[in-house]
Amino acid sequence: MTQTIAVITGGSRGLGRSMALHLAEKGVDVVLTWRSRKGDADAVVADIEKRGRKAVALQLDTSATEGFAEFSRELSSVLGQVWGRDSFDFLVNNAGTGVHKSFAETTEADFDQLVDIHLRGVFFLTQQLLPLIADGGRIVNISSGLARFALPGYAAYGTMKGAVEVLTRYLAKELGDRKIAVNAVAPGAVETDFGGGAVRDNDDLNAYIASQTAMGRVGLPDDIGGAVSSLLIGDLGWMTGQRIEVSGGQSL
C-alpha cells in the first residue's frame, strides 16, 4: 500500500510544526522545510518518528526562487530513496513572516520581503513542484483572517494573503483536471512566536482579541494544525477553491 506523504514549508516551528504532528498522528509521513532553525526541524522529525511515521527535513528559503529547481531535485531524490515514490500527495504552503507597521510606515523593503515569501514564493514553488504532486492530491495555502477583517498595522501582510486567496481559486481551476483540490486556510490570531510573539506574550492584546472572538479566546497552534490535517485527510476531496477561516469567530 502506498504511503501518504505531505510536504509542509516552514514546518520546524509554530503552525507548521503543529500541522506536521497532527498529520503524523493521522498516519501521514512528512517532508518539512526549514530556513534557519535546523535544530528545531530535527526535533520535529524526531517527534514524528516517535509517532511511528517517517519524516525528512530539508532546508529551503521560500523567498529565494532561484533555489526552487534544486529543492525540487532534492525532494525528488528523497522521495525515491525514503519512500520508493516519484510523487507526494499533499502540499502545504505555510512558511511565512510578518511585518507589523502602519501603512504610512511600511517601506518598499518590508513590502518586497512579504511579496517574496508570501506571494512569489508560493506561486513559483507550487509551479516547480507540480510534476511531483500526485494526481488526486491536495494543496493548502495558508492565508490569514487579516484578508477578511482589517487591523491597523497589517496592510501589507493582509494584502499578500488576499492575493494568496485569489491564487488559490486559480490553482483550483487549472488543476481540476488532475483532480487536485486546492483550498486556503485562514487562521485568526494564534499564540505563537509569529510577529515577535505579541499575541502570545502581550496579555492586554491577548485579552482584547479574545473579547472580539465568538469562542472567547485566541487560537492555539493545535487549532490550526488540527484543521489543516482534517482538511487534507478528511472526505473533502470534492471541495476546492475555497477559503476556510479557522479563527474561533474573530471579528464577526
C-alpha atoms as a PDB file:
ATOM      1  CA  MET A   1       0.000   0.000   0.000  1.00  0.00           C
ATOM      2  CA  THR A   2       1.380   3.415  -0.985  1.00  0.00           C
ATOM      3  CA  GLN A   3       2.157   5.651   1.993  1.00  0.00           C
ATOM      4  CA  THR A   4       0.631   9.150   2.045  1.00  0.00           C
ATOM      5  CA  ILE A   5       3.235  11.927   2.101  1.00  0.00           C
ATOM      6  CA  ALA A   6       2.824  15.625   2.903  1.00  0.00           C
ATOM      7  CA  VAL A   7       5.281  18.443   2.149  1.00  0.00           C
ATOM      8  CA  ILE A   8       4.987  21.355   4.589  1.00  0.00           C
ATOM      9  CA  THR A   9       7.004  24.538   4.155  1.00  0.00           C
ATOM     10  CA  GLY A  10       8.074  26.196   7.381  1.00  0.00           C
ATOM     11  CA  GLY A  11       7.391  23.018   9.326  1.00  0.00           C
ATOM     12  CA  SER A  12      10.041  23.457  12.005  1.00  0.00           C
ATOM     13  CA  ARG A  13       8.013  25.606  14.386  1.00  0.00           C
ATOM     14  CA  GLY A  14       4.686  27.258  15.121  1.00  0.00           C
ATOM     15  CA  LEU A  15       1.736  26.354  12.964  1.00  0.00           C
ATOM     16  CA  GLY A  16       3.789  24.255  10.548  1.00  0.00           C
ATOM     17  CA  ARG A  17       5.087  22.098  13.392  1.00  0.00           C
ATOM     18  CA  SER A  18       1.551  21.542  14.656  1.00  0.00           C
ATOM     19  CA  MET A  19       0.348  20.606  11.165  1.00  0.00           C
ATOM     20  CA  ALA A  20       3.181  18.093  10.788  1.00  0.00           C
ATOM     21  CA  LEU A  21       2.476  16.427  14.126  1.00  0.00           C
ATOM     22  CA  HIS A  22      -1.288  16.266  13.552  1.00  0.00           C
ATOM     23  CA  LEU A  23      -0.757  14.690  10.136  1.00  0.00           C
ATOM     24  CA  ALA A  24       1.664  12.168  11.633  1.00  0.00           C
ATOM     25  CA  GLU A  25      -0.941  11.262  14.249  1.00  0.00           C
ATOM     26  CA  LYS A  26      -3.301  10.531  11.352  1.00  0.00           C
ATOM     27  CA  GLY A  27      -0.827   8.237   9.606  1.00  0.00           C
ATOM     28  CA  VAL A  28       0.809  10.641   7.151  1.00  0.00           C
ATOM     29  CA  ASP A  29       4.575  10.824   6.545  1.00  0.00           C
ATOM     30  CA  VAL A  30       6.061  14.313   6.310  1.00  0.00           C
ATOM     31  CA  VAL A  31       8.735  16.247   4.460  1.00  0.00           C
ATOM     32  CA  LEU A  32       9.124  19.568   6.241  1.00  0.00           C
ATOM     33  CA  THR A  33      11.254  22.528   5.266  1.00  0.00           C
ATOM     34  CA  TRP A  34      13.270  24.838   7.442  1.00  0.00           C
ATOM     35  CA  ARG A  35      15.178  28.015   6.643  1.00  0.00           C
ATOM     36  CA  SER A  36      17.474  28.749   9.596  1.00  0.00           C
ATOM     37  CA  ARG A  37      16.488  26.538  12.554  1.00  0.00           C
ATOM     38  CA  LYS A  38      17.876  23.096  11.793  1.00  0.00           C
ATOM     39  CA  GLY A  39      17.724  22.067  15.441  1.00  0.00           C
ATOM     40  CA  ASP A  40      14.006  22.820  15.598  1.00  0.00           C
ATOM     41  CA  ALA A  41      13.422  20.893  12.370  1.00  0.00           C
ATOM     42  CA  ASP A  42      15.358  17.884  13.654  1.00  0.00           C
ATOM     43  CA  ALA A  43      13.253  17.931  16.824  1.00  0.00           C
ATOM     44  CA  VAL A  44      10.044  17.833  14.784  1.00  0.00           C
ATOM     45  CA  VAL A  45      11.400  14.910  12.746  1.00  0.00           C
ATOM     46  CA  ALA A  46      12.157  13.067  15.997  1.00  0.00           C
ATOM     47  CA  ASP A  47       8.642  13.776  17.304  1.00  0.00           C
ATOM     48  CA  ILE A  48       7.116  12.418  14.093  1.00  0.00           C
ATOM     49  CA  GLU A  49       9.261   9.300  14.237  1.00  0.00           C
ATOM     50  CA  LYS A  50       8.121   8.714  17.828  1.00  0.00           C
ATOM     51  CA  ARG A  51       4.625   8.551  16.386  1.00  0.00           C
ATOM     52  CA  GLY A  52       5.700   5.742  14.081  1.00  0.00           C
ATOM     53  CA  ARG A  53       5.869   7.784  10.889  1.00  0.00           C
ATOM     54  CA  LYS A  54       8.724   8.709   8.564  1.00  0.00           C
ATOM     55  CA  ALA A  55       9.919  12.303   8.258  1.00  0.00           C
ATOM     56  CA  VAL A  56      12.664  14.252   6.494  1.00  0.00           C
ATOM     57  CA  ALA A  57      13.673  17.887   6.997  1.00  0.00           C
ATOM     58  CA  LEU A  58      15.050  19.830   4.016  1.00  0.00           C
ATOM     59  CA  GLN A  59      16.444  23.345   4.012  1.00  0.00           C
ATOM     60  CA  LEU A  60      14.568  25.854   1.842  1.00  0.00           C
ATOM     61  CA  ASP A  61      14.382  29.631   1.683  1.00  0.00           C
ATOM     62  CA  THR A  62      10.927  30.225   0.231  1.00  0.00           C
ATOM     63  CA  SER A  63      11.845  33.817  -0.631  1.00  0.00           C
ATOM     64  CA  ALA A  64      14.632  32.698  -2.985  1.00  0.00           C
ATOM     65  CA  THR A  65      13.016  31.386  -6.169  1.00  0.00           C
ATOM     66  CA  GLU A  66      16.415  30.678  -7.714  1.00  0.00           C
ATOM     67  CA  GLY A  67      16.773  27.748  -5.318  1.00  0.00           C
ATOM     68  CA  PHE A  68      13.461  26.078  -6.156  1.00  0.00           C
ATOM     69  CA  ALA A  69      14.706  23.880  -9.002  1.00  0.00           C
ATOM     70  CA  GLU A  70      17.463  22.427  -6.827  1.00  0.00           C
ATOM     71  CA  PHE A  71      14.984  21.891  -3.987  1.00  0.00           C
ATOM     72  CA  SER A  72      12.687  20.027  -6.365  1.00  0.00           C
ATOM     73  CA  ARG A  73      15.563  17.761  -7.399  1.00  0.00           C
ATOM     74  CA  GLU A  74      16.481  17.146  -3.760  1.00  0.00           C
ATOM     75  CA  LEU A  75      12.885  16.383  -2.865  1.00  0.00           C
ATOM     76  CA  SER A  76      12.566  14.003  -5.810  1.00  0.00           C
ATOM     77  CA  SER A  77      15.682  12.165  -4.646  1.00  0.00           C
ATOM     78  CA  VAL A  78      14.379  11.903  -1.075  1.00  0.00           C
ATOM     79  CA  LEU A  79      11.011  10.596  -2.253  1.00  0.00           C
ATOM     80  CA  GLY A  80      12.747   7.854  -4.187  1.00  0.00           C
ATOM     81  CA  GLN A  81      15.271   6.922  -1.527  1.00  0.00           C
ATOM     82  CA  VAL A  82      12.988   7.009   1.531  1.00  0.00           C
ATOM     83  CA  TRP A  83       9.612   6.043   0.076  1.00  0.00           C
ATOM     84  CA  GLY A  84      10.304   4.474  -3.288  1.00  0.00           C
ATOM     85  CA  ARG A  85       7.992   7.005  -4.907  1.00  0.00           C
ATOM     86  CA  ASP A  86       8.276   9.704  -7.534  1.00  0.00           C
ATOM     87  CA  SER A  87       5.470  11.861  -6.121  1.00  0.00           C
ATOM     88  CA  PHE A  88       3.875  13.151  -2.922  1.00  0.00           C
ATOM     89  CA  ASP A  89       0.241  13.751  -2.010  1.00  0.00           C
ATOM     90  CA  PHE A  90      -0.206  16.981  -0.044  1.00  0.00           C
ATOM     91  CA  LEU A  91       1.489  20.381  -0.314  1.00  0.00           C
ATOM     92  CA  VAL A  92       1.019  22.926   2.469  1.00  0.00           C
ATOM     93  CA  ASN A  93       2.372  26.395   1.637  1.00  0.00           C
ATOM     94  CA  ASN A  94       2.809  27.553   5.219  1.00  0.00           C
ATOM     95  CA  ALA A  95       6.183  29.311   5.506  1.00  0.00           C
ATOM     96  CA  GLY A  96       5.823  32.980   6.300  1.00  0.00           C
ATOM     97  CA  THR A  97       6.850  36.032   8.229  1.00  0.00           C
ATOM     98  CA  GLY A  98       5.047  39.150   9.375  1.00  0.00           C
ATOM     99  CA  VAL A  99       5.515  42.908   9.308  1.00  0.00           C
ATOM    100  CA  HIS A 100       3.593  44.968  11.842  1.00  0.00           C
ATOM    101  CA  LYS A 101       3.776  48.564  10.656  1.00  0.00           C
ATOM    102  CA  SER A 102       1.223  51.172   9.751  1.00  0.00           C
ATOM    103  CA  PHE A 103       0.518  51.733   6.062  1.00  0.00           C
ATOM    104  CA  ALA A 104       2.379  55.066   6.246  1.00  0.00           C
ATOM    105  CA  GLU A 105       5.475  53.491   7.790  1.00  0.00           C
ATOM    106  CA  THR A 106       5.718  50.370   5.592  1.00  0.00           C
ATOM    107  CA  THR A 107       8.828  50.551   3.433  1.00  0.00           C
ATOM    108  CA  GLU A 108       9.418  49.103  -0.013  1.00  0.00           C
ATOM    109  CA  ALA A 109      11.865  46.669   1.594  1.00  0.00           C
ATOM    110  CA  ASP A 110       9.138  45.496   4.007  1.00  0.00           C
ATOM    111  CA  PHE A 111       6.700  45.111   1.130  1.00  0.00           C
ATOM    112  CA  ASP A 112       9.169  43.287  -1.099  1.00  0.00           C
ATOM    113  CA  GLN A 113      10.056  40.835   1.672  1.00  0.00           C
ATOM    114  CA  LEU A 114       6.394  39.908   2.087  1.00  0.00           C
ATOM    115  CA  VAL A 115       5.875  39.594  -1.674  1.00  0.00           C
ATOM    116  CA  ASP A 116       8.908  37.310  -1.968  1.00  0.00           C
ATOM    117  CA  ILE A 117       7.800  34.943   0.799  1.00  0.00           C
ATOM    118  CA  HIS A 118       4.008  35.017   0.726  1.00  0.00           C
ATOM    119  CA  LEU A 119       3.240  35.528  -2.950  1.00  0.00           C
ATOM    120  CA  ARG A 120       6.145  34.998  -5.333  1.00  0.00           C
ATOM    121  CA  GLY A 121       7.426  32.096  -3.242  1.00  0.00           C
ATOM    122  CA  VAL A 122       4.038  30.364  -3.024  1.00  0.00           C
ATOM    123  CA  PHE A 123       3.353  30.897  -6.726  1.00  0.00           C
ATOM    124  CA  PHE A 124       6.644  29.622  -8.092  1.00  0.00           C
ATOM    125  CA  LEU A 125       7.337  26.881  -5.546  1.00  0.00           C
ATOM    126  CA  THR A 126       3.939  25.365  -6.288  1.00  0.00           C
ATOM    127  CA  GLN A 127       4.664  25.694 -10.004  1.00  0.00           C
ATOM    128  CA  GLN A 128       8.039  23.986  -9.574  1.00  0.00           C
ATOM    129  CA  LEU A 129       6.580  21.109  -7.558  1.00  0.00           C
ATOM    130  CA  LEU A 130       3.560  20.434  -9.789  1.00  0.00           C
ATOM    131  CA  PRO A 131       5.222  17.474 -11.562  1.00  0.00           C
ATOM    132  CA  LEU A 132       5.826  15.834  -8.164  1.00  0.00           C
ATOM    133  CA  ILE A 133       2.283  16.229  -6.806  1.00  0.00           C
ATOM    134  CA  ALA A 134       0.238  13.095  -7.346  1.00  0.00           C
ATOM    135  CA  ASP A 135      -2.982  13.341  -9.330  1.00  0.00           C
ATOM    136  CA  GLY A 136      -5.822  13.407  -6.829  1.00  0.00           C
ATOM    137  CA  GLY A 137      -3.614  15.198  -4.314  1.00  0.00           C
ATOM    138  CA  ARG A 138      -4.395  18.301  -2.286  1.00  0.00           C
ATOM    139  CA  ILE A 139      -2.837  21.725  -1.788  1.00  0.00           C
ATOM    140  CA  VAL A 140      -3.473  24.015   1.163  1.00  0.00           C
ATOM    141  CA  ASN A 141      -2.289  27.617   1.050  1.00  0.00           C
ATOM    142  CA  ILE A 142      -2.139  29.369   4.405  1.00  0.00           C
ATOM    143  CA  SER A 143      -3.889  32.729   4.304  1.00  0.00           C
ATOM    144  CA  SER A 144      -4.990  34.861   7.252  1.00  0.00           C
ATOM    145  CA  GLY A 145      -8.097  36.263   8.857  1.00  0.00           C
ATOM    146  CA  LEU A 146      -6.494  39.620   8.064  1.00  0.00           C
ATOM    147  CA  ALA A 147      -7.557  39.143   4.447  1.00  0.00           C
ATOM    148  CA  ARG A 148     -11.176  39.483   5.682  1.00  0.00           C
ATOM    149  CA  PHE A 149     -11.010  41.876   8.628  1.00  0.00           C
ATOM    150  CA  ALA A 150      -8.626  44.831   8.861  1.00  0.00           C
ATOM    151  CA  LEU A 151      -6.430  45.636  11.843  1.00  0.00           C
ATOM    152  CA  PRO A 152      -4.107  48.650  11.792  1.00  0.00           C
ATOM    153  CA  GLY A 153      -0.508  47.681  11.142  1.00  0.00           C
ATOM    154  CA  TYR A 154      -1.137  44.763   8.791  1.00  0.00           C
ATOM    155  CA  ALA A 155      -1.924  46.447   5.461  1.00  0.00           C
ATOM    156  CA  ALA A 156       0.959  44.836   3.575  1.00  0.00           C
ATOM    157  CA  TYR A 157       0.597  41.418   5.169  1.00  0.00           C
ATOM    158  CA  GLY A 158      -3.164  41.323   4.649  1.00  0.00           C
ATOM    159  CA  THR A 159      -2.688  42.371   1.020  1.00  0.00           C
ATOM    160  CA  MET A 160      -0.371  39.407   0.412  1.00  0.00           C
ATOM    161  CA  LYS A 161      -2.813  36.982   1.956  1.00  0.00           C
ATOM    162  CA  GLY A 162      -5.656  38.389  -0.129  1.00  0.00           C
ATOM    163  CA  ALA A 163      -3.548  37.644  -3.198  1.00  0.00           C
ATOM    164  CA  VAL A 164      -2.921  34.099  -1.950  1.00  0.00           C
ATOM    165  CA  GLU A 165      -6.678  33.535  -1.767  1.00  0.00           C
ATOM    166  CA  VAL A 166      -7.116  34.678  -5.380  1.00  0.00           C
ATOM    167  CA  LEU A 167      -4.232  32.428  -6.433  1.00  0.00           C
ATOM    168  CA  THR A 168      -5.917  29.532  -4.632  1.00  0.00           C
ATOM    169  CA  ARG A 169      -9.010  29.865  -6.806  1.00  0.00           C
ATOM    170  CA  TYR A 170      -6.949  29.961  -9.989  1.00  0.00           C
ATOM    171  CA  LEU A 171      -4.971  26.890  -8.939  1.00  0.00           C
ATOM    172  CA  ALA A 172      -8.201  25.055  -8.166  1.00  0.00           C
ATOM    173  CA  LYS A 173      -9.494  25.906 -11.632  1.00  0.00           C
ATOM    174  CA  GLU A 174      -6.342  24.949 -13.514  1.00  0.00           C
ATOM    175  CA  LEU A 175      -5.516  21.787 -11.541  1.00  0.00           C
ATOM    176  CA  GLY A 176      -9.060  20.437 -11.533  1.00  0.00           C
ATOM    177  CA  ASP A 177      -8.386  18.179 -14.496  1.00  0.00           C
ATOM    178  CA  ARG A 178      -5.786  16.408 -12.359  1.00  0.00           C
ATOM    179  CA  LYS A 179      -8.328  16.078  -9.528  1.00  0.00           C
ATOM    180  CA  ILE A 180      -6.081  18.152  -7.250  1.00  0.00           C
ATOM    181  CA  ALA A 181      -8.117  20.054  -4.668  1.00  0.00           C
ATOM    182  CA  VAL A 182      -6.727  23.461  -3.703  1.00  0.00           C
ATOM    183  CA  ASN A 183      -8.016  25.436  -0.736  1.00  0.00           C
ATOM    184  CA  ALA A 184      -6.878  28.250   1.558  1.00  0.00           C
ATOM    185  CA  VAL A 185      -6.962  28.057   5.345  1.00  0.00           C
ATOM    186  CA  ALA A 186      -7.121  31.444   7.052  1.00  0.00           C
ATOM    187  CA  PRO A 187      -6.107  31.395  10.744  1.00  0.00           C
ATOM    188  CA  GLY A 188      -7.156  34.112  13.118  1.00  0.00           C
ATOM    189  CA  ALA A 189      -4.858  35.372  15.871  1.00  0.00           C
ATOM    190  CA  VAL A 190      -2.826  32.471  17.278  1.00  0.00           C
ATOM    191  CA  GLU A 191      -0.450  32.171  20.226  1.00  0.00           C
ATOM    192  CA  THR A 192       2.914  31.551  18.503  1.00  0.00           C
ATOM    193  CA  ASP A 193       6.234  33.389  18.131  1.00  0.00           C
ATOM    194  CA  PHE A 194       4.927  34.868  14.856  1.00  0.00           C
ATOM    195  CA  GLY A 195       5.400  38.633  14.687  1.00  0.00           C
ATOM    196  CA  GLY A 196       7.575  38.582  17.777  1.00  0.00           C
ATOM    197  CA  GLY A 197       5.042  36.586  19.788  1.00  0.00           C
ATOM    198  CA  ALA A 198       2.810  39.589  20.515  1.00  0.00           C
ATOM    199  CA  VAL A 199      -0.466  37.634  20.626  1.00  0.00           C
ATOM    200  CA  ARG A 200       1.097  35.043  22.916  1.00  0.00           C
ATOM    201  CA  ASP A 201       3.086  37.350  25.204  1.00  0.00           C
ATOM    202  CA  ASN A 202       1.129  40.620  25.401  1.00  0.00           C
ATOM    203  CA  ASP A 203      -1.637  39.988  27.936  1.00  0.00           C
ATOM    204  CA  ASP A 204      -3.595  43.114  27.002  1.00  0.00           C
ATOM    205  CA  LEU A 205      -3.540  42.271  23.288  1.00  0.00           C
ATOM    206  CA  ASN A 206      -4.450  38.667  24.004  1.00  0.00           C
ATOM    207  CA  ALA A 207      -7.398  39.717  26.130  1.00  0.00           C
ATOM    208  CA  TYR A 208      -8.601  42.252  23.556  1.00  0.00           C
ATOM    209  CA  ILE A 209      -8.581  39.710  20.725  1.00  0.00           C
ATOM    210  CA  ALA A 210     -10.327  37.168  22.941  1.00  0.00           C
ATOM    211  CA  SER A 211     -13.051  39.733  23.649  1.00  0.00           C
ATOM    212  CA  GLN A 212     -13.587  40.123  19.882  1.00  0.00           C
ATOM    213  CA  THR A 213     -13.796  36.377  19.250  1.00  0.00           C
ATOM    214  CA  ALA A 214     -17.036  34.396  19.423  1.00  0.00           C
ATOM    215  CA  MET A 215     -15.424  31.480  21.258  1.00  0.00           C
ATOM    216  CA  GLY A 216     -13.849  33.768  23.825  1.00  0.00           C
ATOM    217  CA  ARG A 217     -10.127  33.079  23.358  1.00  0.00           C
ATOM    218  CA  VAL A 218      -7.313  33.448  20.859  1.00  0.00           C
ATOM    219  CA  GLY A 219      -6.216  30.465  18.827  1.00  0.00           C
ATOM    220  CA  LEU A 220      -3.609  27.857  19.695  1.00  0.00           C
ATOM    221  CA  PRO A 221      -1.306  26.124  17.194  1.00  0.00           C
ATOM    222  CA  ASP A 222      -3.214  22.858  17.598  1.00  0.00           C
ATOM    223  CA  ASP A 223      -6.419  24.598  16.487  1.00  0.00           C
ATOM    224  CA  ILE A 224      -4.790  25.236  13.113  1.00  0.00           C
ATOM    225  CA  GLY A 225      -2.781  22.028  12.905  1.00  0.00           C
ATOM    226  CA  GLY A 226      -5.917  20.004  13.556  1.00  0.00           C
ATOM    227  CA  ALA A 227      -7.924  21.926  10.971  1.00  0.00           C
ATOM    228  CA  VAL A 228      -5.321  21.577   8.225  1.00  0.00           C
ATOM    229  CA  SER A 229      -4.794  17.876   8.875  1.00  0.00           C
ATOM    230  CA  SER A 230      -8.541  17.268   8.853  1.00  0.00           C
ATOM    231  CA  LEU A 231      -8.887  19.144   5.563  1.00  0.00           C
ATOM    232  CA  LEU A 232      -6.172  17.012   3.987  1.00  0.00           C
ATOM    233  CA  ILE A 233      -7.182  13.640   5.420  1.00  0.00           C
ATOM    234  CA  GLY A 234     -10.955  14.040   5.601  1.00  0.00           C
ATOM    235  CA  ASP A 235     -13.564  13.306   2.953  1.00  0.00           C
ATOM    236  CA  LEU A 236     -13.308  16.768   1.411  1.00  0.00           C
ATOM    237  CA  GLY A 237     -11.778  15.984  -1.963  1.00  0.00           C
ATOM    238  CA  TRP A 238     -14.819  17.465  -3.721  1.00  0.00           C
ATOM    239  CA  MET A 239     -14.254  20.850  -2.045  1.00  0.00           C
ATOM    240  CA  THR A 240     -11.860  23.078  -3.933  1.00  0.00           C
ATOM    241  CA  GLY A 241     -11.177  26.768  -4.479  1.00  0.00           C
ATOM    242  CA  GLN A 242     -12.490  27.655  -1.035  1.00  0.00           C
ATOM    243  CA  ARG A 243     -11.347  29.874   1.817  1.00  0.00           C
ATOM    244  CA  ILE A 244     -11.766  28.225   5.208  1.00  0.00           C
ATOM    245  CA  GLU A 245     -11.306  30.572   8.152  1.00  0.00           C
ATOM    246  CA  VAL A 246     -10.212  28.983  11.431  1.00  0.00           C
ATOM    247  CA  SER A 247     -10.421  31.846  13.909  1.00  0.00           C
ATOM    248  CA  GLY A 248     -12.940  30.885  16.571  1.00  0.00           C
ATOM    249  CA  GLY A 249     -15.200  33.573  15.100  1.00  0.00           C
ATOM    250  CA  GLN A 250     -12.830  36.540  15.324  1.00  0.00           C
ATOM    251  CA  SER A 251     -14.312  39.942  14.436  1.00  0.00           C
ATOM    252  CA  LEU A 252     -17.634  38.591  13.200  1.00  0.00           C
END
